[in-house]
Amino acid sequence: MRYWVFIPLLVIMDQVSKYFLEITRNTGAAFGILQGQNLFLILISLIALGFFILYYKKYQIASMFVISGIIGNLIDRIFLGYVRDFIDLRFWPVFNLADSFMVVGIGLLVWIIFKKN
């Protein structure tokens, strides 16, 4: 199956959820690091996006999730200058669907790599 067709759907889910549920404006990266470094974070995101596009064929499902998450947060960074977060578990930093997609994708990638070994 060609999982790339799900990327726009996941990005739309992320953007719609952020539109209706924004709680926090995050100008940094995970756990609040690199606050105010938007241009640098855009550059790092584009490099990571290129990496996962390059390896898409080998790790399709994992890459689909990571690519979707990167694009979702890149849209925010480029057009708003910050990432909109809304999932607040109280014991963890506030995050969004794009962040969740990336965690799922990286988790799958780690699982696949360790399973092969």
PDB file of N, CA and C in Angstrom:
ATOM      1  N   MET A   1       0.837  -1.188   0.000  1.00  0.00           N
ATOM      2  CA  MET A   1       0.000   0.000   0.000  1.00  0.00           C
ATOM      3  C   MET A   1       0.879   1.248   0.000  1.00  0.00           C
ATOM      4  N   ARG A   2       0.420   2.226  -0.625  1.00  0.00           N
ATOM      5  CA  ARG A   2       1.172   3.481  -0.703  1.00  0.00           C
ATOM      6  C   ARG A   2       0.727   4.407   0.412  1.00  0.00           C
ATOM      7  N   TYR A   3       1.505   4.445   1.458  1.00  0.00           N
ATOM      8  CA  TYR A   3       1.136   5.187   2.660  1.00  0.00           C
ATOM      9  C   TYR A   3       1.263   6.690   2.503  1.00  0.00           C
ATOM     10  N   TRP A   4       1.979   7.139   1.487  1.00  0.00           N
ATOM     11  CA  TRP A   4       2.162   8.574   1.289  1.00  0.00           C
ATOM     12  C   TRP A   4       0.837   9.300   1.125  1.00  0.00           C
ATOM     13  N   VAL A   5      -0.209   8.596   0.666  1.00  0.00           N
ATOM     14  CA  VAL A   5      -1.505   9.251   0.479  1.00  0.00           C
ATOM     15  C   VAL A   5      -2.115   9.695   1.809  1.00  0.00           C
ATOM     16  N   PHE A   6      -1.658   9.117   2.927  1.00  0.00           N
ATOM     17  CA  PHE A   6      -2.180   9.491   4.234  1.00  0.00           C
ATOM     18  C   PHE A   6      -1.507  10.741   4.801  1.00  0.00           C
ATOM     19  N   ILE A   7      -0.383  11.132   4.231  1.00  0.00           N
ATOM     20  CA  ILE A   7       0.342  12.298   4.751  1.00  0.00           C
ATOM     21  C   ILE A   7      -0.535  13.555   4.731  1.00  0.00           C
ATOM     22  N   PRO A   8      -1.173  13.905   3.617  1.00  0.00           N
ATOM     23  CA  PRO A   8      -2.025  15.109   3.636  1.00  0.00           C
ATOM     24  C   PRO A   8      -3.174  14.996   4.647  1.00  0.00           C
ATOM     25  N   LEU A   9      -3.719  13.818   4.812  1.00  0.00           N
ATOM     26  CA  LEU A   9      -4.817  13.643   5.775  1.00  0.00           C
ATOM     27  C   LEU A   9      -4.353  13.889   7.208  1.00  0.00           C
ATOM     28  N   LEU A  10      -3.184  13.369   7.555  1.00  0.00           N
ATOM     29  CA  LEU A  10      -2.645  13.580   8.892  1.00  0.00           C
ATOM     30  C   LEU A  10      -2.292  15.052   9.121  1.00  0.00           C
ATOM     31  N   VAL A  11      -1.743  15.694   8.103  1.00  0.00           N
ATOM     32  CA  VAL A  11      -1.402  17.124   8.221  1.00  0.00           C
ATOM     33  C   VAL A  11      -2.683  17.942   8.412  1.00  0.00           C
ATOM     34  N   ILE A  12      -3.731  17.616   7.674  1.00  0.00           N
ATOM     35  CA  ILE A  12      -5.009  18.327   7.820  1.00  0.00           C
ATOM     36  C   ILE A  12      -5.577  18.106   9.220  1.00  0.00           C
ATOM     37  N   MET A  13      -5.526  16.867   9.720  1.00  0.00           N
ATOM     38  CA  MET A  13      -5.990  16.595  11.087  1.00  0.00           C
ATOM     39  C   MET A  13      -5.232  17.472  12.086  1.00  0.00           C
ATOM     40  N   ASP A  14      -3.924  17.549  11.929  1.00  0.00           N
ATOM     41  CA  ASP A  14      -3.097  18.351  12.824  1.00  0.00           C
ATOM     42  C   ASP A  14      -3.492  19.823  12.748  1.00  0.00           C
ATOM     43  N   GLN A  15      -3.589  20.363  11.560  1.00  0.00           N
ATOM     44  CA  GLN A  15      -3.874  21.787  11.398  1.00  0.00           C
ATOM     45  C   GLN A  15      -5.274  22.153  11.883  1.00  0.00           C
ATOM     46  N   VAL A  16      -6.259  21.316  11.609  1.00  0.00           N
ATOM     47  CA  VAL A  16      -7.625  21.592  12.076  1.00  0.00           C
ATOM     48  C   VAL A  16      -7.683  21.546  13.598  1.00  0.00           C
ATOM     49  N   SER A  17      -7.042  20.548  14.188  1.00  0.00           N
ATOM     50  CA  SER A  17      -7.048  20.454  15.652  1.00  0.00           C
ATOM     51  C   SER A  17      -6.373  21.677  16.278  1.00  0.00           C
ATOM     52  N   LYS A  18      -5.288  22.143  15.688  1.00  0.00           N
ATOM     53  CA  LYS A  18      -4.595  23.311  16.218  1.00  0.00           C
ATOM     54  C   LYS A  18      -5.444  24.577  16.076  1.00  0.00           C
ATOM     55  N   TYR A  19      -6.195  24.652  15.007  1.00  0.00           N
ATOM     56  CA  TYR A  19      -7.043  25.826  14.776  1.00  0.00           C
ATOM     57  C   TYR A  19      -8.091  25.957  15.881  1.00  0.00           C
ATOM     58  N   PHE A  20      -8.676  24.840  16.266  1.00  0.00           N
ATOM     59  CA  PHE A  20      -9.763  24.868  17.244  1.00  0.00           C
ATOM     60  C   PHE A  20      -9.302  24.757  18.695  1.00  0.00           C
ATOM     61  N   LEU A  21      -8.120  24.202  18.939  1.00  0.00           N
ATOM     62  CA  LEU A  21      -7.754  23.843  20.303  1.00  0.00           C
ATOM     63  C   LEU A  21      -6.468  24.475  20.828  1.00  0.00           C
ATOM     64  N   GLU A  22      -5.926  25.475  20.174  1.00  0.00           N
ATOM     65  CA  GLU A  22      -4.637  26.044  20.602  1.00  0.00           C
ATOM     66  C   GLU A  22      -4.678  26.498  22.057  1.00  0.00           C
ATOM     67  N   ILE A  23      -3.688  26.067  22.824  1.00  0.00           N
ATOM     68  CA  ILE A  23      -3.533  26.484  24.213  1.00  0.00           C
ATOM     69  C   ILE A  23      -2.228  27.260  24.373  1.00  0.00           C
ATOM     70  N   THR A  24      -1.175  26.741  23.781  1.00  0.00           N
ATOM     71  CA  THR A  24       0.174  27.279  23.997  1.00  0.00           C
ATOM     72  C   THR A  24       0.832  27.630  22.677  1.00  0.00           C
ATOM     73  N   ARG A  25       1.562  28.712  22.671  1.00  0.00           N
ATOM     74  CA  ARG A  25       2.381  29.094  21.518  1.00  0.00           C
ATOM     75  C   ARG A  25       3.817  28.760  21.853  1.00  0.00           C
ATOM     76  N   ASN A  26       4.360  27.772  21.162  1.00  0.00           N
ATOM     77  CA  ASN A  26       5.705  27.275  21.451  1.00  0.00           C
ATOM     78  C   ASN A  26       6.677  27.817  20.410  1.00  0.00           C
ATOM     79  N   THR A  27       7.577  28.682  20.839  1.00  0.00           N
ATOM     80  CA  THR A  27       8.575  29.231  19.911  1.00  0.00           C
ATOM     81  C   THR A  27       9.857  28.412  19.906  1.00  0.00           C
ATOM     82  N   GLY A  28       9.853  27.311  20.635  1.00  0.00           N
ATOM     83  CA  GLY A  28      11.036  26.455  20.698  1.00  0.00           C
ATOM     84  C   GLY A  28      10.757  25.064  20.173  1.00  0.00           C
ATOM     85  N   ALA A  29      11.547  24.128  20.658  1.00  0.00           N
ATOM     86  CA  ALA A  29      11.417  22.724  20.251  1.00  0.00           C
ATOM     87  C   ALA A  29      10.901  21.921  21.451  1.00  0.00           C
ATOM     88  N   ALA A  30      11.107  20.623  21.416  1.00  0.00           N
ATOM     89  CA  ALA A  30      10.640  19.734  22.477  1.00  0.00           C
ATOM     90  C   ALA A  30      11.160  20.175  23.844  1.00  0.00           C
ATOM     91  N   PHE A  31      10.300  20.087  24.838  1.00  0.00           N
ATOM     92  CA  PHE A  31      10.628  20.419  26.224  1.00  0.00           C
ATOM     93  C   PHE A  31      11.085  21.872  26.398  1.00  0.00           C
ATOM     94  N   GLY A  32      10.683  22.730  25.453  1.00  0.00           N
ATOM     95  CA  GLY A  32      10.980  24.147  25.576  1.00  0.00           C
ATOM     96  C   GLY A  32      12.396  24.567  25.233  1.00  0.00           C
ATOM     97  N   ILE A  33      13.180  23.672  24.649  1.00  0.00           N
ATOM     98  CA  ILE A  33      14.547  24.057  24.291  1.00  0.00           C
ATOM     99  C   ILE A  33      14.548  24.915  23.032  1.00  0.00           C
ATOM    100  N   LEU A  34      15.584  25.670  22.835  1.00  0.00           N
ATOM    101  CA  LEU A  34      15.805  26.512  21.653  1.00  0.00           C
ATOM    102  C   LEU A  34      14.686  27.538  21.438  1.00  0.00           C
ATOM    103  N   GLN A  35      14.174  28.116  22.521  1.00  0.00           N
ATOM    104  CA  GLN A  35      13.138  29.145  22.416  1.00  0.00           C
ATOM    105  C   GLN A  35      13.632  30.303  21.555  1.00  0.00           C
ATOM    106  N   GLY A  36      12.765  30.747  20.644  1.00  0.00           N
ATOM    107  CA  GLY A  36      13.076  31.891  19.801  1.00  0.00           C
ATOM    108  C   GLY A  36      14.008  31.599  18.638  1.00  0.00           C
ATOM    109  N   GLN A  37      14.339  30.355  18.423  1.00  0.00           N
ATOM    110  CA  GLN A  37      15.263  29.979  17.339  1.00  0.00           C
ATOM    111  C   GLN A  37      14.488  29.434  16.128  1.00  0.00           C
ATOM    112  N   ASN A  38      13.463  30.164  15.709  1.00  0.00           N
ATOM    113  CA  ASN A  38      12.549  29.689  14.677  1.00  0.00           C
ATOM    114  C   ASN A  38      13.251  29.358  13.362  1.00  0.00           C
ATOM    115  N   LEU A  39      14.118  30.227  12.893  1.00  0.00           N
ATOM    116  CA  LEU A  39      14.802  29.988  11.618  1.00  0.00           C
ATOM    117  C   LEU A  39      15.664  28.726  11.685  1.00  0.00           C
ATOM    118  N   PHE A  40      16.380  28.568  12.774  1.00  0.00           N
ATOM    119  CA  PHE A  40      17.198  27.366  12.972  1.00  0.00           C
ATOM    120  C   PHE A  40      16.317  26.118  13.008  1.00  0.00           C
ATOM    121  N   LEU A  41      15.186  26.183  13.703  1.00  0.00           N
ATOM    122  CA  LEU A  41      14.284  25.028  13.796  1.00  0.00           C
ATOM    123  C   LEU A  41      13.641  24.706  12.446  1.00  0.00           C
ATOM    124  N   ILE A  42      13.377  25.718  11.651  1.00  0.00           N
ATOM    125  CA  ILE A  42      12.867  25.484  10.286  1.00  0.00           C
ATOM    126  C   ILE A  42      13.927  24.747   9.470  1.00  0.00           C
ATOM    127  N   LEU A  43      15.160  25.190   9.559  1.00  0.00           N
ATOM    128  CA  LEU A  43      16.260  24.548   8.824  1.00  0.00           C
ATOM    129  C   LEU A  43      16.427  23.090   9.250  1.00  0.00           C
ATOM    130  N   ILE A  44      16.442  22.832  10.545  1.00  0.00           N
ATOM    131  CA  ILE A  44      16.576  21.459  11.053  1.00  0.00           C
ATOM    132  C   ILE A  44      15.398  20.608  10.594  1.00  0.00           C
ATOM    133  N   SER A  45      14.201  21.180  10.611  1.00  0.00           N
ATOM    134  CA  SER A  45      13.005  20.455  10.164  1.00  0.00           C
ATOM    135  C   SER A  45      13.100  20.088   8.686  1.00  0.00           C
ATOM    136  N   LEU A  46      13.593  21.012   7.878  1.00  0.00           N
ATOM    137  CA  LEU A  46      13.732  20.734   6.443  1.00  0.00           C
ATOM    138  C   LEU A  46      14.767  19.640   6.191  1.00  0.00           C
ATOM    139  N   ILE A  47      15.843  19.640   6.952  1.00  0.00           N
ATOM    140  CA  ILE A  47      16.860  18.585   6.820  1.00  0.00           C
ATOM    141  C   ILE A  47      16.262  17.241   7.220  1.00  0.00           C
ATOM    142  N   ALA A  48      15.562  17.209   8.346  1.00  0.00           N
ATOM    143  CA  ALA A  48      14.923  15.959   8.799  1.00  0.00           C
ATOM    144  C   ALA A  48      13.876  15.495   7.792  1.00  0.00           C
ATOM    145  N   LEU A  49      13.119  16.425   7.243  1.00  0.00           N
ATOM    146  CA  LEU A  49      12.114  16.088   6.236  1.00  0.00           C
ATOM    147  C   LEU A  49      12.775  15.434   5.022  1.00  0.00           C
ATOM    148  N   GLY A  50      13.879  16.009   4.569  1.00  0.00           N
ATOM    149  CA  GLY A  50      14.611  15.434   3.442  1.00  0.00           C
ATOM    150  C   GLY A  50      15.107  14.032   3.742  1.00  0.00           C
ATOM    151  N   PHE A  51      15.611  13.829   4.948  1.00  0.00           N
ATOM    152  CA  PHE A  51      16.091  12.515   5.370  1.00  0.00           C
ATOM    153  C   PHE A  51      14.963  11.482   5.311  1.00  0.00           C
ATOM    154  N   PHE A  52      13.813  11.817   5.875  1.00  0.00           N
ATOM    155  CA  PHE A  52      12.714  10.849   5.905  1.00  0.00           C
ATOM    156  C   PHE A  52      12.082  10.644   4.532  1.00  0.00           C
ATOM    157  N   ILE A  53      12.120  11.638   3.683  1.00  0.00           N
ATOM    158  CA  ILE A  53      11.668  11.446   2.301  1.00  0.00           C
ATOM    159  C   ILE A  53      12.625  10.509   1.584  1.00  0.00           C
ATOM    160  N   LEU A  54      13.918  10.690   1.811  1.00  0.00           N
ATOM    161  CA  LEU A  54      14.936   9.843   1.193  1.00  0.00           C
ATOM    162  C   LEU A  54      14.758   8.377   1.582  1.00  0.00           C
ATOM    163  N   TYR A  55      14.442   8.123   2.842  1.00  0.00           N
ATOM    164  CA  TYR A  55      14.297   6.749   3.330  1.00  0.00           C
ATOM    165  C   TYR A  55      12.844   6.275   3.359  1.00  0.00           C
ATOM    166  N   TYR A  56      11.952   7.017   2.727  1.00  0.00           N
ATOM    167  CA  TYR A  56      10.534   6.672   2.748  1.00  0.00           C
ATOM    168  C   TYR A  56      10.267   5.256   2.230  1.00  0.00           C
ATOM    169  N   LYS A  57      10.872   4.921   1.112  1.00  0.00           N
ATOM    170  CA  LYS A  57      10.600   3.621   0.484  1.00  0.00           C
ATOM    171  C   LYS A  57      10.960   2.457   1.411  1.00  0.00           C
ATOM    172  N   LYS A  58      12.023   2.609   2.194  1.00  0.00           N
ATOM    173  CA  LYS A  58      12.482   1.531   3.059  1.00  0.00           C
ATOM    174  C   LYS A  58      11.641   1.425   4.336  1.00  0.00           C
ATOM    175  N   TYR A  59      11.182   2.566   4.860  1.00  0.00           N
ATOM    176  CA  TYR A  59      10.430   2.605   6.129  1.00  0.00           C
ATOM    177  C   TYR A  59       9.143   3.402   5.932  1.00  0.00           C
ATOM    178  N   GLN A  60       8.240   2.895   5.102  1.00  0.00           N
ATOM    179  CA  GLN A  60       7.080   3.670   4.677  1.00  0.00           C
ATOM    180  C   GLN A  60       6.159   4.136   5.803  1.00  0.00           C
ATOM    181  N   ILE A  61       5.723   3.240   6.658  1.00  0.00           N
ATOM    182  CA  ILE A  61       4.746   3.629   7.686  1.00  0.00           C
ATOM    183  C   ILE A  61       5.381   4.581   8.697  1.00  0.00           C
ATOM    184  N   ALA A  62       6.566   4.242   9.166  1.00  0.00           N
ATOM    185  CA  ALA A  62       7.248   5.120  10.122  1.00  0.00           C
ATOM    186  C   ALA A  62       7.502   6.489   9.495  1.00  0.00           C
ATOM    187  N   SER A  63       7.979   6.501   8.274  1.00  0.00           N
ATOM    188  CA  SER A  63       8.265   7.764   7.594  1.00  0.00           C
ATOM    189  C   SER A  63       7.001   8.578   7.362  1.00  0.00           C
ATOM    190  N   MET A  64       5.887   7.908   7.061  1.00  0.00           N
ATOM    191  CA  MET A  64       4.618   8.607   6.845  1.00  0.00           C
ATOM    192  C   MET A  64       4.252   9.430   8.081  1.00  0.00           C
ATOM    193  N   PHE A  65       4.381   8.824   9.257  1.00  0.00           N
ATOM    194  CA  PHE A  65       4.044   9.538  10.486  1.00  0.00           C
ATOM    195  C   PHE A  65       5.006  10.687  10.749  1.00  0.00           C
ATOM    196  N   VAL A  66       6.304  10.434  10.600  1.00  0.00           N
ATOM    197  CA  VAL A  66       7.293  11.484  10.885  1.00  0.00           C
ATOM    198  C   VAL A  66       7.154  12.635   9.893  1.00  0.00           C
ATOM    199  N   ILE A  67       7.021  12.330   8.626  1.00  0.00           N
ATOM    200  CA  ILE A  67       6.864  13.367   7.594  1.00  0.00           C
ATOM    201  C   ILE A  67       5.627  14.212   7.883  1.00  0.00           C
ATOM    202  N   SER A  68       4.526  13.572   8.239  1.00  0.00           N
ATOM    203  CA  SER A  68       3.294  14.300   8.554  1.00  0.00           C
ATOM    204  C   SER A  68       3.505  15.252   9.728  1.00  0.00           C
ATOM    205  N   GLY A  69       4.166  14.762  10.758  1.00  0.00           N
ATOM    206  CA  GLY A  69       4.423  15.600  11.921  1.00  0.00           C
ATOM    207  C   GLY A  69       5.338  16.770  11.614  1.00  0.00           C
ATOM    208  N   ILE A  70       6.383  16.507  10.857  1.00  0.00           N
ATOM    209  CA  ILE A  70       7.309  17.589  10.491  1.00  0.00           C
ATOM    210  C   ILE A  70       6.577  18.655   9.688  1.00  0.00           C
ATOM    211  N   ILE A  71       5.798  18.239   8.702  1.00  0.00           N
ATOM    212  CA  ILE A  71       5.074  19.202   7.870  1.00  0.00           C
ATOM    213  C   ILE A  71       4.068  19.994   8.704  1.00  0.00           C
ATOM    214  N   GLY A  72       3.340  19.308   9.587  1.00  0.00           N
ATOM    215  CA  GLY A  72       2.365  19.996  10.428  1.00  0.00           C
ATOM    216  C   GLY A  72       2.988  21.101  11.260  1.00  0.00           C
ATOM    217  N   ASN A  73       4.113  20.818  11.881  1.00  0.00           N
ATOM    218  CA  ASN A  73       4.773  21.846  12.694  1.00  0.00           C
ATOM    219  C   ASN A  73       5.512  22.873  11.838  1.00  0.00           C
ATOM    220  N   LEU A  74       6.002  22.465  10.668  1.00  0.00           N
ATOM    221  CA  LEU A  74       6.652  23.426   9.762  1.00  0.00           C
ATOM    222  C   LEU A  74       5.662  24.484   9.282  1.00  0.00           C
ATOM    223  N   ILE A  75       4.446  24.068   8.988  1.00  0.00           N
ATOM    224  CA  ILE A  75       3.419  25.029   8.565  1.00  0.00           C
ATOM    225  C   ILE A  75       3.272  26.116   9.629  1.00  0.00           C
ATOM    226  N   ASP A  76       3.186  25.697  10.883  1.00  0.00           N
ATOM    227  CA  ASP A  76       3.076  26.668  11.977  1.00  0.00           C
ATOM    228  C   ASP A  76       4.304  27.565  12.042  1.00  0.00           C
ATOM    229  N   ARG A  77       5.480  26.971  12.028  1.00  0.00           N
ATOM    230  CA  ARG A  77       6.712  27.750  12.168  1.00  0.00           C
ATOM    231  C   ARG A  77       6.869  28.775  11.040  1.00  0.00           C
ATOM    232  N   ILE A  78       6.579  28.350   9.819  1.00  0.00           N
ATOM    233  CA  ILE A  78       6.767  29.236   8.664  1.00  0.00           C
ATOM    234  C   ILE A  78       5.720  30.349   8.637  1.00  0.00           C
ATOM    235  N   PHE A  79       4.454  30.019   8.873  1.00  0.00           N
ATOM    236  CA  PHE A  79       3.391  31.005   8.712  1.00  0.00           C
ATOM    237  C   PHE A  79       3.037  31.769   9.988  1.00  0.00           C
ATOM    238  N   LEU A  80       3.339  31.197  11.153  1.00  0.00           N
ATOM    239  CA  LEU A  80       2.983  31.865  12.409  1.00  0.00           C
ATOM    240  C   LEU A  80       4.197  32.274  13.243  1.00  0.00           C
ATOM    241  N   GLY A  81       5.332  31.607  13.028  1.00  0.00           N
ATOM    242  CA  GLY A  81       6.520  31.894  13.814  1.00  0.00           C
ATOM    243  C   GLY A  81       6.580  31.125  15.121  1.00  0.00           C
ATOM    244  N   TYR A  82       5.646  30.231  15.337  1.00  0.00           N
ATOM    245  CA  TYR A  82       5.595  29.385  16.527  1.00  0.00           C
ATOM    246  C   TYR A  82       4.742  28.155  16.215  1.00  0.00           C
ATOM    247  N   VAL A  83       4.804  27.169  17.102  1.00  0.00           N
ATOM    248  CA  VAL A  83       4.009  25.949  16.955  1.00  0.00           C
ATOM    249  C   VAL A  83       2.868  26.005  17.960  1.00  0.00           C
ATOM    250  N   ARG A  84       1.666  25.673  17.502  1.00  0.00           N
ATOM    251  CA  ARG A  84       0.479  25.670  18.366  1.00  0.00           C
ATOM    252  C   ARG A  84       0.358  24.312  19.058  1.00  0.00           C
ATOM    253  N   ASP A  85       0.335  24.331  20.367  1.00  0.00           N
ATOM    254  CA  ASP A  85       0.201  23.115  21.164  1.00  0.00           C
ATOM    255  C   ASP A  85      -1.119  23.155  21.932  1.00  0.00           C
ATOM    256  N   PHE A  86      -1.676  21.975  22.212  1.00  0.00           N
ATOM    257  CA  PHE A  86      -2.957  21.963  22.922  1.00  0.00           C
ATOM    258  C   PHE A  86      -3.200  20.738  23.792  1.00  0.00           C
ATOM    259  N   ILE A  87      -2.394  19.706  23.683  1.00  0.00           N
ATOM    260  CA  ILE A  87      -2.604  18.511  24.506  1.00  0.00           C
ATOM    261  C   ILE A  87      -1.803  18.700  25.794  1.00  0.00           C
ATOM    262  N   ASP A  88      -2.527  18.875  26.892  1.00  0.00           N
ATOM    263  CA  ASP A  88      -1.894  19.153  28.175  1.00  0.00           C
ATOM    264  C   ASP A  88      -2.222  18.036  29.161  1.00  0.00           C
ATOM    265  N   LEU A  89      -1.251  17.186  29.409  1.00  0.00           N
ATOM    266  CA  LEU A  89      -1.431  16.060  30.334  1.00  0.00           C
ATOM    267  C   LEU A  89      -1.078  16.443  31.772  1.00  0.00           C
ATOM    268  N   ARG A  90      -0.678  17.687  31.978  1.00  0.00           N
ATOM    269  CA  ARG A  90      -0.306  18.243  33.286  1.00  0.00           C
ATOM    270  C   ARG A  90       1.045  17.738  33.811  1.00  0.00           C
ATOM    271  N   PHE A  91       1.447  16.527  33.470  1.00  0.00           N
ATOM    272  CA  PHE A  91       2.726  15.995  33.952  1.00  0.00           C
ATOM    273  C   PHE A  91       3.764  15.958  32.834  1.00  0.00           C
ATOM    274  N   TRP A  92       3.440  16.475  31.662  1.00  0.00           N
ATOM    275  CA  TRP A  92       4.310  16.463  30.493  1.00  0.00           C
ATOM    276  C   TRP A  92       4.163  17.811  29.798  1.00  0.00           C
ATOM    277  N   PRO A  93       5.186  18.288  29.111  1.00  0.00           N
ATOM    278  CA  PRO A  93       5.021  19.547  28.369  1.00  0.00           C
ATOM    279  C   PRO A  93       3.873  19.449  27.355  1.00  0.00           C
ATOM    280  N   VAL A  94       3.198  20.563  27.133  1.00  0.00           N
ATOM    281  CA  VAL A  94       2.069  20.623  26.198  1.00  0.00           C
ATOM    282  C   VAL A  94       2.570  20.286  24.796  1.00  0.00           C
ATOM    283  N   PHE A  95       1.780  19.511  24.033  1.00  0.00           N
ATOM    284  CA  PHE A  95       2.176  19.094  22.691  1.00  0.00           C
ATOM    285  C   PHE A  95       0.964  19.076  21.774  1.00  0.00           C
ATOM    286  N   ASN A  96       1.138  18.577  20.545  1.00  0.00           N
ATOM    287  CA  ASN A  96       0.059  18.569  19.558  1.00  0.00           C
ATOM    288  C   ASN A  96       0.065  17.259  18.778  1.00  0.00           C
ATOM    289  N   LEU A  97      -0.861  17.132  17.820  1.00  0.00           N
ATOM    290  CA  LEU A  97      -0.931  15.901  17.027  1.00  0.00           C
ATOM    291  C   LEU A  97       0.335  15.678  16.209  1.00  0.00           C
ATOM    292  N   ALA A  98       0.897  16.741  15.639  1.00  0.00           N
ATOM    293  CA  ALA A  98       2.124  16.590  14.841  1.00  0.00           C
ATOM    294  C   ALA A  98       3.240  15.986  15.685  1.00  0.00           C
ATOM    295  N   ASP A  99       3.368  16.460  16.924  1.00  0.00           N
ATOM    296  CA  ASP A  99       4.374  15.892  17.828  1.00  0.00           C
ATOM    297  C   ASP A  99       4.097  14.410  18.064  1.00  0.00           C
ATOM    298  N   SER A 100       2.826  14.084  18.262  1.00  0.00           N
ATOM    299  CA  SER A 100       2.437  12.682  18.482  1.00  0.00           C
ATOM    300  C   SER A 100       2.764  11.825  17.268  1.00  0.00           C
ATOM    301  N   PHE A 101       2.496  12.349  16.077  1.00  0.00           N
ATOM    302  CA  PHE A 101       2.809  11.603  14.852  1.00  0.00           C
ATOM    303  C   PHE A 101       4.306  11.297  14.779  1.00  0.00           C
ATOM    304  N   MET A 102       5.127  12.290  15.134  1.00  0.00           N
ATOM    305  CA  MET A 102       6.572  12.076  15.074  1.00  0.00           C
ATOM    306  C   MET A 102       7.025  11.035  16.096  1.00  0.00           C
ATOM    307  N   VAL A 103       6.465  11.073  17.275  1.00  0.00           N
ATOM    308  CA  VAL A 103       6.830  10.082  18.298  1.00  0.00           C
ATOM    309  C   VAL A 103       6.434   8.687  17.852  1.00  0.00           C
ATOM    310  N   VAL A 104       5.232   8.542  17.296  1.00  0.00           N
ATOM    311  CA  VAL A 104       4.786   7.237  16.793  1.00  0.00           C
ATOM    312  C   VAL A 104       5.717   6.760  15.685  1.00  0.00           C
ATOM    313  N   GLY A 105       6.049   7.644  14.743  1.00  0.00           N
ATOM    314  CA  GLY A 105       6.924   7.274  13.629  1.00  0.00           C
ATOM    315  C   GLY A 105       8.317   6.871  14.081  1.00  0.00           C
ATOM    316  N   ILE A 106       8.904   7.632  14.976  1.00  0.00           N
ATOM    317  CA  ILE A 106      10.240   7.297  15.483  1.00  0.00           C
ATOM    318  C   ILE A 106      10.174   5.997  16.277  1.00  0.00           C
ATOM    319  N   GLY A 107       9.122   5.831  17.058  1.00  0.00           N
ATOM    320  CA  GLY A 107       8.951   4.581  17.811  1.00  0.00           C
ATOM    321  C   GLY A 107       8.868   3.378  16.892  1.00  0.00           C
ATOM    322  N   LEU A 108       8.095   3.498  15.819  1.00  0.00           N
ATOM    323  CA  LEU A 108       8.008   2.407  14.834  1.00  0.00           C
ATOM    324  C   LEU A 108       9.356   2.139  14.183  1.00  0.00           C
ATOM    325  N   LEU A 109      10.061   3.205  13.850  1.00  0.00           N
ATOM    326  CA  LEU A 109      11.375   3.064  13.215  1.00  0.00           C
ATOM    327  C   LEU A 109      12.339   2.327  14.138  1.00  0.00           C
ATOM    328  N   VAL A 110      12.380   2.703  15.398  1.00  0.00           N
ATOM    329  CA  VAL A 110      13.252   2.031  16.369  1.00  0.00           C
ATOM    330  C   VAL A 110      12.859   0.556  16.492  1.00  0.00           C
ATOM    331  N   TRP A 111      11.565   0.298  16.592  1.00  0.00           N
ATOM    332  CA  TRP A 111      11.071  -1.080  16.704  1.00  0.00           C
ATOM    333  C   TRP A 111      11.469  -1.901  15.478  1.00  0.00           C
ATOM    334  N   ILE A 112      11.305  -1.346  14.284  1.00  0.00           N
ATOM    335  CA  ILE A 112      11.658  -2.049  13.044  1.00  0.00           C
ATOM    336  C   ILE A 112      13.151  -2.353  13.008  1.00  0.00           C
ATOM    337  N   ILE A 113      13.962  -1.396  13.352  1.00  0.00           N
ATOM    338  CA  ILE A 113      15.421  -1.581  13.310  1.00  0.00           C
ATOM    339  C   ILE A 113      15.862  -2.644  14.312  1.00  0.00           C
ATOM    340  N   PHE A 114      15.338  -2.582  15.544  1.00  0.00           N
ATOM    341  CA  PHE A 114      15.704  -3.586  16.546  1.00  0.00           C
ATOM    342  C   PHE A 114      15.151  -4.966  16.212  1.00  0.00           C
ATOM    343  N   LYS A 115      13.999  -5.016  15.582  1.00  0.00           N
ATOM    344  CA  LYS A 115      13.397  -6.287  15.190  1.00  0.00           C
ATOM    345  C   LYS A 115      14.258  -6.982  14.133  1.00  0.00           C
ATOM    346  N   LYS A 116      14.832  -6.195  13.231  1.00  0.00           N
ATOM    347  CA  LYS A 116      15.704  -6.756  12.181  1.00  0.00           C
ATOM    348  C   LYS A 116      16.989  -7.327  12.773  1.00  0.00           C
ATOM    349  N   ASN A 117      17.465  -6.701  13.843  1.00  0.00           N
ATOM    350  CA  ASN A 117      18.707  -7.147  14.457  1.00  0.00           C
ATOM    351  C   ASN A 117      18.381  -8.229  15.445  1.00  0.00           C
TER     352      ASN A 117
END
